[in-house]
Protein backbone atom coordinates (compact mmCIF):
# COMPACT_ATOMS: atom_id res chain seq x y z
CA MET A 1 -0.01 0.00 0.00
CA GLN A 2 1.38 3.40 -1.04
CA THR A 3 1.00 6.26 1.39
CA ASN A 4 0.75 9.72 -0.12
CA LYS A 5 1.80 12.59 2.08
CA VAL A 6 1.33 16.29 1.71
CA VAL A 7 3.50 18.42 3.97
CA THR A 8 2.52 21.99 4.70
CA ALA A 9 4.45 24.58 6.73
CA ILE A 10 2.24 27.08 8.50
CA PRO A 11 3.04 29.73 11.12
CA ASN A 12 2.26 27.40 14.09
CA GLY A 13 4.05 24.27 12.81
CA ILE A 14 4.15 21.60 10.14
CA CYS A 15 1.10 19.64 9.10
CA VAL A 16 1.54 16.23 7.44
CA ASN A 17 -1.60 15.08 5.62
CA TYR A 18 -2.00 11.43 4.55
CA THR A 19 -4.21 11.72 1.49
CA ASP A 20 -5.02 8.06 1.13
CA THR A 21 -6.17 7.57 4.76
CA LYS A 22 -7.54 11.14 5.21
CA LYS A 23 -5.62 11.56 8.44
CA HIS A 24 -3.19 14.24 9.48
CA PHE A 25 -0.36 14.79 11.92
CA PHE A 26 0.59 18.23 13.29
CA ILE A 27 4.00 19.16 14.65
CA HIS A 28 4.35 22.43 16.59
CA TYR A 29 7.47 24.52 16.00
CA GLU A 30 7.72 25.20 19.72
CA LYS A 31 8.27 21.57 20.76
CA LYS A 32 11.41 21.38 22.87
CA GLU A 33 12.09 17.77 22.00
CA MET A 34 12.41 18.60 18.33
CA SER A 35 14.62 21.66 18.84
CA ASN A 36 16.87 19.64 21.18
CA GLN A 37 17.22 16.90 18.61
CA ILE A 38 18.08 19.45 15.88
CA GLU A 39 20.70 21.05 18.18
CA LYS A 40 22.29 17.67 18.78
CA ASN A 41 22.57 17.13 14.99
CA PHE A 42 24.15 20.56 14.48
CA SER A 43 27.89 20.19 14.42
CA SER A 44 28.74 23.72 15.69
CA LYS A 45 28.70 24.73 19.31
CA ASN A 46 25.55 26.30 20.67
CA TYR A 47 25.24 30.05 20.28
CA GLN A 48 27.13 31.70 23.13
CA ASP A 49 28.23 35.15 22.03
CA THR A 50 30.77 36.15 24.59
CA ALA A 51 32.56 39.47 24.21
CA VAL A 52 35.65 39.18 21.98
CA ASN A 53 38.34 41.54 23.16
CA LEU A 54 39.81 43.11 20.08
CA ASN A 55 42.06 46.12 19.77
CA PRO A 56 41.27 48.96 17.33
CA THR A 57 43.45 47.57 14.57
CA GLN A 58 41.73 44.20 14.76
CA ILE A 59 38.27 45.79 14.81
CA LYS A 60 39.08 47.85 11.74
CA MET A 61 40.40 44.84 9.79
CA TYR A 62 37.39 42.76 10.80
CA ARG A 63 34.91 45.46 9.86
CA LEU A 64 36.59 46.15 6.51
CA ALA A 65 36.56 42.49 5.59
CA LEU A 66 32.98 41.98 6.70
CA TYR A 67 31.34 45.32 5.80
CA GLY A 68 33.66 46.73 3.08
CA VAL A 69 33.83 50.51 2.55
CA GLU A 70 30.61 50.89 4.52
CA ALA A 71 32.75 50.41 7.66
CA LEU A 72 34.71 53.57 6.91
CA SER A 73 33.70 57.02 8.17
CA ASP A 74 33.16 59.80 5.66
CA LYS A 75 36.43 61.36 6.60
CA GLU A 76 38.35 58.06 6.14
CA LEU A 77 36.56 57.45 2.83
CA LYS A 78 37.76 60.81 1.46
CA ASN A 79 41.36 60.17 2.52
CA ILE A 80 41.89 56.81 0.80
CA SER A 81 42.72 56.38 -2.85
CA TYR A 82 40.45 54.87 -5.52
CA ARG A 83 42.73 51.81 -5.75
CA GLU A 84 42.42 51.24 -2.01
CA LYS A 85 38.63 51.41 -2.26
CA LEU A 86 38.68 48.85 -5.04
CA ASN A 87 40.90 46.57 -2.94
CA ILE A 88 38.57 46.87 0.00
CA ARG A 89 35.51 46.23 -2.17
CA HIS A 90 37.19 43.19 -3.78
CA LYS A 91 38.19 41.69 -0.42
CA HIS A 92 34.69 42.43 0.97
CA GLU A 93 33.03 40.65 -2.02
CA ILE A 94 35.25 37.58 -1.55
CA THR A 95 34.57 37.49 2.18
CA GLN A 96 30.82 37.79 1.74
CA LYS A 97 30.83 35.01 -0.86
CA LEU A 98 32.78 32.64 1.40
CA ILE A 99 30.74 33.46 4.51
CA ASN A 100 27.50 33.00 2.50
CA ARG A 101 28.73 29.51 1.50
CA TRP A 102 29.50 28.73 5.13
CA LYS A 103 26.04 29.91 6.21
CA GLN A 104 24.50 27.72 3.44
CA GLN A 105 26.39 24.71 4.76
CA ILE A 106 25.18 25.31 8.32
CA THR A 107 21.62 25.88 7.16
CA GLN A 108 21.82 22.65 5.15
CA ILE A 109 23.00 20.70 8.16
CA LYS A 110 20.07 22.02 10.22
CA VAL A 111 17.46 21.37 7.53
CA ASN A 112 18.82 17.86 6.79
CA GLY A 113 18.68 17.13 10.54
CA LEU A 114 15.03 18.32 10.68
CA LEU A 115 13.96 16.43 7.58
CA SER A 116 15.66 13.19 8.72
CA LYS A 117 13.80 13.41 12.06
CA LEU A 118 10.45 14.11 10.35
CA PHE A 119 10.89 11.44 7.64
CA PRO A 120 13.33 8.85 8.98
CA ASN A 121 12.60 6.17 6.38
CA SER A 122 12.47 8.44 3.31
CA LYS A 123 14.85 7.52 0.53
CA LEU A 124 14.55 10.99 -1.02
CA ILE A 125 15.56 12.70 2.27
CA SER A 126 18.53 10.34 2.68
CA ASP A 127 19.60 11.14 -0.91
CA ILE A 128 19.31 14.87 -0.23
CA SER A 129 21.24 14.57 2.97
CA SER A 130 24.03 12.60 1.32
CA ASN A 131 24.51 15.30 -1.36
CA SER A 132 25.00 18.15 1.09
CA ASP A 133 28.11 19.68 -0.51
CA TYR A 134 25.97 21.82 -2.80
CA TYR A 135 25.99 25.56 -2.55
CA CYS A 136 24.87 28.36 -4.87
CA ASP A 137 26.68 31.69 -4.98
CA GLY A 138 23.54 33.30 -6.46
CA LEU A 139 21.46 32.29 -3.40
CA LEU A 140 21.96 34.69 -0.55
CA ASN A 141 21.50 33.38 2.96
CA TYR A 142 19.80 36.11 4.92
CA SER A 143 19.89 34.19 8.25
CA SER A 144 21.73 36.08 10.98
CA PHE A 145 24.73 34.62 12.69
CA LYS A 146 22.67 34.50 15.92
CA ASP A 147 19.88 32.50 14.20
CA LEU A 148 22.46 30.01 12.91
CA GLY A 149 24.15 29.72 16.34
CA ILE A 150 27.40 31.39 15.23
CA SER A 151 29.29 33.60 17.72
CA HIS A 152 31.58 36.51 16.76
CA GLN A 153 34.50 34.35 17.82
CA ASN A 154 33.36 31.63 15.35
CA VAL A 155 33.03 34.24 12.60
CA ILE A 156 36.57 35.56 13.22
CA ASN A 157 37.99 32.05 13.34
CA LYS A 158 36.25 31.12 10.11
CA MET A 159 37.48 34.32 8.42
CA ILE A 160 41.04 33.43 9.47
CA GLU A 161 40.56 29.86 8.13
CA LEU A 162 39.24 31.28 4.83
CA THR A 163 42.19 33.70 4.69
CA CYS A 164 39.95 36.75 4.78
CA LEU A 165 41.85 37.80 7.90
CA PRO A 166 45.62 37.11 8.48
CA ASN A 167 46.74 34.08 10.45
CA ASN A 168 48.28 36.33 13.11
CA PHE A 169 45.04 38.31 13.54
CA TYR A 170 44.89 37.81 17.29
CA GLN A 171 48.51 38.98 17.72
CA LEU A 172 48.09 42.27 15.88
CA LYS A 173 48.59 45.40 17.87
């Protein structure tokens, strides 16, 4: 016997309708058991944004890589050359592309964990989960670092790993 399912996401939760038996199953988003299971599947540490003590040089490098020329004041923007602006924009674009890929990977891990818990015997879900190295540079991930459970320390470490910041970033004065 084939079971046909229709899954609908609504503001309160997820509704699974079995069309052949005319029954349904509702899963609230607020269930702690489900969120705890998802957090266990997530490979990163839980979000704990502790204050990162950075000096002014480190803050400026971090902000330039992450925000580009938008991190500069009007006075600083007038004092730098066109070539420096281009270099900052180029580094910013590369950083944003790499961080977006990282955010897509984290989102994929979370979604795959949720889908595998909702549909544990689904071949389609297992196929999707096994092909999780996919990313699309055209797809912008608008999730905040906090929503994804990423602290500022994790962002800085990832930027160092991706060579968006120098390896000796923490030693800069």
